[in-house]
Amino acid sequence: MGAGPAGLMLSHLLHQQGIDSIVVEAHSRQYVQDRVRAGVLEQGTADLMAETGIGERLKREGLVHHGVMFRVGGRTHRFDFDELAGGRCIIVYPQNKVVADLFDARAAAGGKLITEAGEVSVHDFGGAESPGVRPKIRFRKDGETQEVECDFIAGCDGFHGVCRPSMPAGALKVYDRVYPFGWLGILAEVAPSSDELIYAYNERGFALLTMRTPEISRLYLQCKPDEDIHEWPDERIWSELQLRLATSEPGWKLAEGKIFQKGVTGMRSFVVEPMQHGKLFLAGDAAHIVPPTGAKGLNLAITDVRVLADGFSEFYSSGKKSLLDNYSAKCLRRVWKVQRFSWWMTSILHLFDTDNAFDQRRQLAELDYVTSSRVAQQSLAENYVGLPME
């Protein structure tokens, strides 16, 4: 279920194991592919794409980063991944290109993809509660009701999909935290003013400088979660970015250009436990959401389906279900570590309460510590490039 990166990657991995799958998606390929999402790939995600034959464009166009920067009080500190993370790195590669690469791979392999499916629903996935009954996916396509019968359903259909709400009442425990701010994000036709990401802590609020390509910059401002984007003309956005990303260091200047896309995104942390019920498995945003500060959403989803693919492979090769039975427990160990890191990055870089002087001093002390302690820097670098698979 779902033709985002998680669903397509799972289908791709299963194909390589000789396992048939069908991807059912409510929207068109163009809609899914055009959705604007962040594009920072952990080393493990990039390696998986290369290992499974979909890394050629990534190799050509991905922007390899060997560090990331924090800017506090106008001073910049760089975290050197080569030194701190054993040479592992991150790659800036837009998520829509990841999706396009996966779509192309599935099409080239003759994969079964059903797009623009309406009235999608899932049934009979209870497992032990429904012995002998196979799971089913129902939907309308071209005006006709259709049904797919299968062995398992992978709910890779996002936070607003149908799979998680279809679980029986009481089957899931929800852990949720909504943050009192959002991000105002822009895409601008201007070369990035830095070769690496800059996370800026400022008394006016957080800012982030990143990039989409060598010609297109991606920048963010902390704002109210219900901010009216119409109150932010281009001039105001650039003025605020100039203030928040300012530095006393010579030789650096924030370049401005034509803004061709902008919007406001709220921020939350969200996890459901367990990530499976019977023969229905949740993966990616269907099971968890992380604030974007740590650049982990896509990478966490890819890790989920990598674990799930291993479970399906074991089942179809040997009939054993040990990996499938342990899917949720294994994924959640990583999910909560990534939630911790994403929360920590968010908590030290954003203003939560401008009237609370204690919290602001605590944040400055935390930033002073992480930029002066090698142990703290190693921890940040290890988490940022991606924790190893366990």
Protein backbone atom coordinates (compact mmCIF):
# COMPACT_ATOMS: atom_id res chain seq x y z
CA MET A 1 0.00 0.00 0.00
CA GLY A 2 1.39 3.37 -1.04
CA ALA A 3 3.77 4.42 -3.83
CA GLY A 4 6.00 6.65 -1.74
CA PRO A 5 9.66 5.74 -1.25
CA ALA A 6 8.88 3.10 1.38
CA GLY A 7 6.29 1.21 -0.66
CA LEU A 8 8.27 1.38 -3.89
CA MET A 9 11.52 0.37 -2.21
CA LEU A 10 9.83 -2.60 -0.53
CA SER A 11 8.41 -3.73 -3.89
CA HIS A 12 11.85 -3.28 -5.46
CA LEU A 13 13.57 -5.33 -2.74
CA LEU A 14 10.97 -8.09 -2.96
CA HIS A 15 11.36 -8.28 -6.74
CA GLN A 16 15.07 -8.89 -6.29
CA GLN A 17 14.19 -11.82 -4.04
CA GLY A 18 11.76 -13.24 -6.61
CA ILE A 19 8.71 -12.29 -4.51
CA ASP A 20 5.66 -10.87 -6.26
CA SER A 21 4.02 -7.70 -4.95
CA ILE A 22 1.41 -5.18 -6.03
CA VAL A 23 1.65 -1.48 -5.16
CA VAL A 24 -1.71 0.26 -4.73
CA GLU A 25 -1.61 4.07 -4.67
CA ALA A 26 -4.48 6.55 -4.31
CA HIS A 27 -2.81 9.27 -6.39
CA SER A 28 -1.16 9.52 -9.80
CA ARG A 29 2.53 8.89 -10.32
CA GLN A 30 3.00 12.57 -11.14
CA TYR A 31 1.35 13.67 -7.90
CA VAL A 32 3.47 11.33 -5.79
CA GLN A 33 6.64 12.25 -7.62
CA ASP A 34 6.06 16.00 -7.42
CA ARG A 35 5.47 16.14 -3.67
CA VAL A 36 8.13 18.33 -2.12
CA ARG A 37 10.02 16.52 0.63
CA ALA A 38 13.45 16.84 2.16
CA GLY A 39 16.31 15.03 0.49
CA VAL A 40 19.14 14.16 2.87
CA LEU A 41 20.12 10.52 2.51
CA GLU A 42 22.04 8.67 5.18
CA GLN A 43 25.02 6.62 4.08
CA GLY A 44 23.02 3.40 4.52
CA THR A 45 20.14 4.61 2.34
CA ALA A 46 22.50 5.67 -0.45
CA ASP A 47 24.40 2.38 -0.18
CA LEU A 48 21.15 0.39 -0.46
CA MET A 49 20.17 2.26 -3.62
CA ALA A 50 23.57 1.52 -5.16
CA GLU A 51 23.55 -2.14 -4.07
CA THR A 52 20.11 -2.75 -5.59
CA GLY A 53 20.82 -1.13 -8.93
CA ILE A 54 19.03 2.20 -8.63
CA GLY A 55 21.95 4.42 -7.71
CA GLU A 56 23.22 5.62 -11.09
CA ARG A 57 21.52 9.02 -11.08
CA LEU A 58 22.26 9.38 -7.37
CA LYS A 59 25.94 8.82 -8.12
CA ARG A 60 25.85 11.48 -10.86
CA GLU A 61 23.71 14.13 -9.20
CA GLY A 62 23.86 13.52 -5.45
CA LEU A 63 25.75 16.14 -3.46
CA VAL A 64 28.07 14.33 -1.05
CA HIS A 65 28.55 16.15 2.27
CA HIS A 66 31.33 15.30 4.68
CA GLY A 67 30.15 17.64 7.41
CA VAL A 68 27.42 19.88 8.75
CA MET A 69 27.58 23.25 10.52
CA PHE A 70 25.98 24.91 13.53
CA ARG A 71 25.89 28.71 13.71
CA VAL A 72 25.36 30.20 17.17
CA GLY A 73 25.71 33.87 18.00
CA GLY A 74 27.15 34.51 14.55
CA ARG A 75 29.95 31.97 15.05
CA THR A 76 30.12 28.78 12.99
CA HIS A 77 31.21 25.33 14.13
CA ARG A 78 31.70 22.49 11.64
CA PHE A 79 31.21 18.82 12.48
CA ASP A 80 33.65 16.87 10.32
CA PHE A 81 32.12 13.49 9.46
CA ASP A 82 35.38 12.12 8.07
CA GLU A 83 36.99 12.60 11.44
CA LEU A 84 34.00 11.99 13.71
CA ALA A 85 32.03 9.29 11.88
CA GLY A 86 34.68 7.08 10.36
CA GLY A 87 34.36 8.56 6.89
CA ARG A 88 30.63 8.00 6.54
CA CYS A 89 28.75 10.87 4.95
CA ILE A 90 25.34 12.14 3.87
CA ILE A 91 24.12 12.78 0.34
CA VAL A 92 21.75 15.58 -0.62
CA TYR A 93 19.42 14.08 -3.23
CA PRO A 94 15.80 15.24 -3.53
CA GLN A 95 13.18 12.74 -2.39
CA ASN A 96 11.18 13.20 -5.58
CA LYS A 97 14.20 11.86 -7.48
CA VAL A 98 14.37 8.84 -5.17
CA VAL A 99 10.69 8.20 -5.96
CA ALA A 100 11.26 8.67 -9.70
CA ASP A 101 14.21 6.26 -9.66
CA LEU A 102 12.09 3.64 -7.88
CA PHE A 103 9.12 4.14 -10.21
CA ASP A 104 11.43 3.69 -13.20
CA ALA A 105 12.97 0.55 -11.71
CA ARG A 106 9.60 -1.05 -11.01
CA ALA A 107 8.31 -0.15 -14.49
CA ALA A 108 11.46 -1.58 -16.14
CA ALA A 109 10.99 -4.82 -14.19
CA GLY A 110 7.33 -5.10 -15.14
CA GLY A 111 6.22 -4.36 -11.59
CA LYS A 112 2.52 -4.22 -10.81
CA LEU A 113 1.59 -0.64 -9.86
CA ILE A 114 -1.99 0.52 -9.55
CA THR A 115 -2.23 4.29 -9.30
CA GLU A 116 -5.22 6.61 -8.88
CA ALA A 117 -7.09 3.96 -6.89
CA GLY A 118 -10.18 5.30 -5.13
CA GLU A 119 -12.05 4.16 -2.03
CA VAL A 120 -9.12 2.02 -0.88
CA SER A 121 -9.71 -0.30 2.08
CA VAL A 122 -7.97 -3.29 3.68
CA HIS A 123 -9.67 -6.41 5.06
CA ASP A 124 -9.14 -9.82 6.66
CA PHE A 125 -5.60 -9.21 7.89
CA GLY A 126 -6.27 -10.43 11.43
CA GLY A 127 -4.00 -13.45 11.16
CA ALA A 128 -4.60 -15.76 14.10
CA GLU A 129 -8.09 -14.31 14.53
CA SER A 130 -8.97 -15.27 10.93
CA PRO A 131 -7.30 -18.64 10.17
CA GLY A 132 -7.44 -19.62 6.54
CA VAL A 133 -8.65 -16.19 5.41
CA ARG A 134 -6.30 -14.21 3.19
CA PRO A 135 -5.90 -10.43 3.46
CA LYS A 136 -7.59 -8.31 0.82
CA ILE A 137 -7.25 -4.80 -0.58
CA ARG A 138 -10.34 -3.30 -2.20
CA PHE A 139 -10.45 -0.16 -4.33
CA ARG A 140 -12.19 1.48 -7.27
CA LYS A 141 -10.33 1.92 -10.53
CA ASP A 142 -11.81 3.23 -13.77
CA GLY A 143 -15.27 3.14 -12.22
CA GLU A 144 -15.10 -0.52 -11.17
CA THR A 145 -14.61 -2.08 -7.74
CA GLN A 146 -11.60 -4.37 -7.68
CA GLU A 147 -10.06 -6.65 -5.07
CA VAL A 148 -6.52 -7.93 -4.57
CA GLU A 149 -6.06 -11.04 -2.43
CA CYS A 150 -2.61 -11.46 -0.92
CA ASP A 151 -0.55 -13.13 1.79
CA PHE A 152 0.42 -9.92 3.61
CA ILE A 153 -0.29 -6.19 3.48
CA ALA A 154 2.47 -3.63 3.98
CA GLY A 155 0.96 -0.32 5.04
CA CYS A 156 3.36 2.18 3.47
CA ASP A 157 0.55 4.66 2.83
CA GLY A 158 1.67 7.55 5.01
CA PHE A 159 0.33 9.32 8.06
CA HIS A 160 -3.08 9.96 6.46
CA GLY A 161 -3.43 6.53 4.84
CA VAL A 162 -6.04 3.86 5.49
CA CYS A 163 -3.90 1.07 6.96
CA ARG A 164 -3.22 2.38 10.47
CA PRO A 165 -6.86 3.49 11.08
CA SER A 166 -7.99 0.02 9.91
CA MET A 167 -6.30 -1.67 12.85
CA PRO A 168 -8.77 -2.88 15.53
CA ALA A 169 -9.59 -0.51 18.39
CA GLY A 170 -7.05 -0.93 21.17
CA ALA A 171 -4.50 -2.72 18.97
CA LEU A 172 -2.14 0.27 18.89
CA LYS A 173 -0.72 2.60 21.50
CA VAL A 174 -0.06 6.12 20.23
CA TYR A 175 2.81 8.34 21.39
CA ASP A 176 2.44 11.88 20.10
CA ARG A 177 4.00 15.30 20.61
CA VAL A 178 3.04 18.42 18.67
CA TYR A 179 5.58 21.25 18.71
CA PRO A 180 4.56 24.89 19.24
CA PHE A 181 6.18 26.04 15.99
CA GLY A 182 6.51 25.15 12.33
CA TRP A 183 8.91 25.70 9.46
CA LEU A 184 8.40 28.22 6.70
CA GLY A 185 10.29 26.67 3.79
CA ILE A 186 11.29 28.10 0.44
CA LEU A 187 12.92 26.98 -2.79
CA ALA A 188 14.88 29.72 -4.53
CA GLU A 189 16.68 30.02 -7.86
CA VAL A 190 20.08 30.83 -6.42
CA ALA A 191 23.21 28.79 -5.84
CA PRO A 192 23.51 27.69 -2.18
CA SER A 193 25.56 30.09 -0.08
CA SER A 194 27.27 27.17 1.63
CA ASP A 195 28.62 23.84 0.44
CA GLU A 196 27.16 22.21 3.58
CA LEU A 197 24.02 22.58 5.68
CA ILE A 198 23.99 25.40 8.24
CA TYR A 199 21.77 25.05 11.31
CA ALA A 200 21.42 28.46 12.95
CA TYR A 201 20.33 29.18 16.52
CA ASN A 202 19.22 32.80 16.82
CA GLU A 203 17.29 34.87 19.35
CA ARG A 204 14.76 35.55 16.58
CA GLY A 205 14.27 31.82 15.97
CA PHE A 206 15.83 28.89 14.17
CA ALA A 207 16.94 28.96 10.52
CA LEU A 208 18.37 26.31 8.20
CA LEU A 209 20.30 26.71 4.97
CA THR A 210 20.33 23.65 2.76
CA MET A 211 20.10 22.95 -0.95
CA ARG A 212 18.21 21.04 -3.63
CA THR A 213 20.79 21.20 -6.44
CA PRO A 214 23.93 23.28 -7.16
CA GLU A 215 21.59 25.92 -8.65
CA ILE A 216 18.64 25.77 -6.22
CA SER A 217 18.69 26.65 -2.52
CA ARG A 218 16.33 25.29 0.14
CA LEU A 219 15.95 27.43 3.27
CA TYR A 220 13.75 27.32 6.36
CA LEU A 221 12.62 29.68 9.13
CA GLN A 222 11.04 28.83 12.45
CA CYS A 223 7.54 30.29 12.53
CA LYS A 224 4.13 29.78 14.14
CA PRO A 225 2.55 26.45 13.17
CA ASP A 226 -0.51 28.29 11.81
CA GLU A 227 1.49 31.04 10.11
CA ASP A 228 -0.30 32.73 7.20
CA ILE A 229 2.07 32.37 4.27
CA HIS A 230 0.45 35.39 2.60
CA GLU A 231 1.92 37.57 5.35
CA TRP A 232 5.40 36.56 4.19
CA PRO A 233 6.26 38.32 0.92
CA ASP A 234 9.64 37.42 -0.57
CA GLU A 235 11.30 40.58 0.80
CA ARG A 236 10.30 39.73 4.37
CA ILE A 237 11.54 36.16 4.05
CA TRP A 238 14.96 37.19 2.76
CA SER A 239 15.24 39.91 5.40
CA GLU A 240 14.54 37.43 8.18
CA LEU A 241 16.92 34.85 6.76
CA GLN A 242 19.65 37.48 6.55
CA LEU A 243 19.18 38.29 10.24
CA ARG A 244 19.03 34.69 11.49
CA LEU A 245 21.91 33.38 9.38
CA ALA A 246 24.15 36.42 9.94
CA THR A 247 27.75 35.81 10.91
CA SER A 248 30.58 37.98 12.14
CA GLU A 249 33.01 35.83 10.17
CA PRO A 250 34.44 37.55 7.06
CA GLY A 251 33.89 36.27 3.56
CA TRP A 252 30.39 34.82 3.91
CA LYS A 253 27.19 36.27 2.51
CA LEU A 254 23.69 34.87 2.07
CA ALA A 255 22.86 35.11 -1.63
CA GLU A 256 19.25 35.87 -2.58
CA GLY A 257 17.28 34.79 -5.63
CA LYS A 258 13.81 34.29 -7.02
CA ILE A 259 11.58 32.29 -4.68
CA PHE A 260 9.46 29.88 -6.71
CA GLN A 261 7.92 27.83 -3.91
CA LYS A 262 7.08 28.47 -0.26
CA GLY A 263 4.91 26.94 2.42
CA VAL A 264 4.49 26.28 6.14
CA THR A 265 4.85 22.85 7.71
CA GLY A 266 3.86 21.98 11.27
CA MET A 267 6.14 19.78 13.36
CA ARG A 268 5.38 16.72 15.46
CA SER A 269 6.83 13.52 16.87
CA PHE A 270 4.57 10.47 16.50
CA VAL A 271 4.97 6.73 17.05
CA VAL A 272 2.52 3.83 17.19
CA GLU A 273 3.26 0.52 18.86
CA PRO A 274 3.30 -2.17 17.68
CA MET A 275 3.94 -1.64 13.98
CA GLN A 276 2.10 -4.82 13.02
CA HIS A 277 -1.16 -6.65 13.62
CA GLY A 278 -1.79 -10.06 12.14
CA LYS A 279 -0.72 -9.89 8.51
CA LEU A 280 -0.73 -6.08 8.28
CA PHE A 281 2.60 -4.32 8.78
CA LEU A 282 3.07 -0.55 9.06
CA ALA A 283 6.15 1.18 7.69
CA GLY A 284 7.37 4.75 7.32
CA ASP A 285 5.02 7.64 8.06
CA ALA A 286 2.13 5.24 8.64
CA ALA A 287 3.90 4.22 11.86
CA HIS A 288 6.01 7.21 12.86
CA ILE A 289 6.69 10.89 12.17
CA VAL A 290 9.84 12.75 13.19
CA PRO A 291 10.45 16.51 13.18
CA PRO A 292 12.57 17.34 10.12
CA THR A 293 15.45 18.85 12.11
CA GLY A 294 17.47 15.62 12.02
CA ALA A 295 16.63 14.78 8.38
CA LYS A 296 15.49 11.28 9.30
CA GLY A 297 11.97 10.67 7.92
CA LEU A 298 12.86 9.11 4.56
CA ASN A 299 15.82 7.20 5.99
CA LEU A 300 13.75 5.70 8.79
CA ALA A 301 11.10 4.55 6.29
CA ILE A 302 13.73 2.88 4.10
CA THR A 303 15.13 1.07 7.14
CA ASP A 304 11.65 -0.21 8.03
CA VAL A 305 11.09 -1.80 4.63
CA ARG A 306 14.59 -3.21 4.56
CA VAL A 307 13.77 -5.11 7.77
CA LEU A 308 10.35 -6.09 6.42
CA ALA A 309 11.83 -7.37 3.15
CA ASP A 310 14.20 -9.60 5.12
CA GLY A 311 11.20 -11.00 6.99
CA PHE A 312 9.28 -11.76 3.81
CA SER A 313 12.38 -13.31 2.26
CA GLU A 314 12.80 -15.67 5.22
CA PHE A 315 9.12 -16.63 5.11
CA TYR A 316 9.02 -17.43 1.40
CA SER A 317 12.35 -19.28 1.39
CA SER A 318 11.87 -21.36 4.54
CA GLY A 319 8.31 -20.93 5.82
CA LYS A 320 9.65 -19.45 9.04
CA LYS A 321 8.13 -16.27 10.53
CA SER A 322 10.68 -15.38 13.19
CA LEU A 323 11.81 -12.19 11.41
CA LEU A 324 8.25 -11.13 10.60
CA ASP A 325 7.16 -11.76 14.19
CA ASN A 326 10.07 -9.61 15.40
CA TYR A 327 9.57 -6.87 12.79
CA SER A 328 7.94 -4.34 15.11
CA ALA A 329 10.32 -4.87 18.01
CA LYS A 330 13.40 -4.54 15.80
CA CYS A 331 12.16 -1.44 14.00
CA LEU A 332 10.97 0.31 17.15
CA ARG A 333 14.41 0.10 18.74
CA ARG A 334 15.74 2.20 15.89
CA VAL A 335 12.63 4.38 15.67
CA TRP A 336 12.96 5.53 19.27
CA LYS A 337 16.68 6.23 18.92
CA VAL A 338 15.95 8.33 15.85
CA GLN A 339 13.06 10.05 17.66
CA ARG A 340 15.45 10.89 20.49
CA PHE A 341 17.99 12.41 18.13
CA SER A 342 15.39 14.37 16.15
CA TRP A 343 13.83 15.68 19.36
CA TRP A 344 17.25 16.63 20.70
CA MET A 345 18.20 18.53 17.55
CA THR A 346 14.85 20.30 17.64
CA SER A 347 15.05 21.10 21.35
CA ILE A 348 18.46 22.76 21.26
CA LEU A 349 18.00 24.80 18.07
CA HIS A 350 14.46 26.21 18.32
CA LEU A 351 12.94 28.82 20.61
CA PHE A 352 10.15 27.23 22.64
CA ASP A 353 9.27 30.11 24.94
CA THR A 354 10.86 33.50 24.34
CA ASP A 355 9.94 34.57 27.87
CA ASN A 356 11.77 31.70 29.56
CA ALA A 357 15.31 32.93 30.16
CA PHE A 358 16.29 29.68 31.91
CA ASP A 359 15.51 27.54 28.87
CA GLN A 360 17.41 29.87 26.57
CA ARG A 361 20.49 29.76 28.81
CA ARG A 362 20.19 25.97 29.00
CA GLN A 363 20.08 25.78 25.19
CA LEU A 364 23.18 27.95 24.88
CA ALA A 365 24.98 25.73 27.39
CA GLU A 366 23.98 22.64 25.40
CA LEU A 367 25.21 24.19 22.18
CA ASP A 368 28.45 25.24 23.87
CA TYR A 369 28.93 21.67 25.07
CA VAL A 370 28.21 19.96 21.74
CA THR A 371 30.55 22.31 19.86
CA SER A 372 33.40 21.91 22.37
CA SER A 373 33.25 18.25 23.42
CA ARG A 374 34.63 15.66 21.03
CA VAL A 375 32.47 12.96 22.60
CA ALA A 376 29.33 15.04 22.02
CA GLN A 377 30.43 15.82 18.48
CA GLN A 378 30.98 12.14 17.74
CA SER A 379 27.51 11.35 19.03
CA LEU A 380 25.94 13.99 16.79
CA ALA A 381 27.92 12.83 13.76
CA GLU A 382 27.13 9.13 14.34
CA ASN A 383 23.41 9.85 14.54
CA TYR A 384 23.38 12.31 11.64
CA VAL A 385 25.06 10.00 9.11
CA GLY A 386 22.84 7.15 10.30
CA LEU A 387 23.05 4.55 13.02
CA PRO A 388 24.28 1.14 11.82
CA MET A 389 21.79 -1.63 11.15
CA GLU A 390 21.49 -3.95 14.14
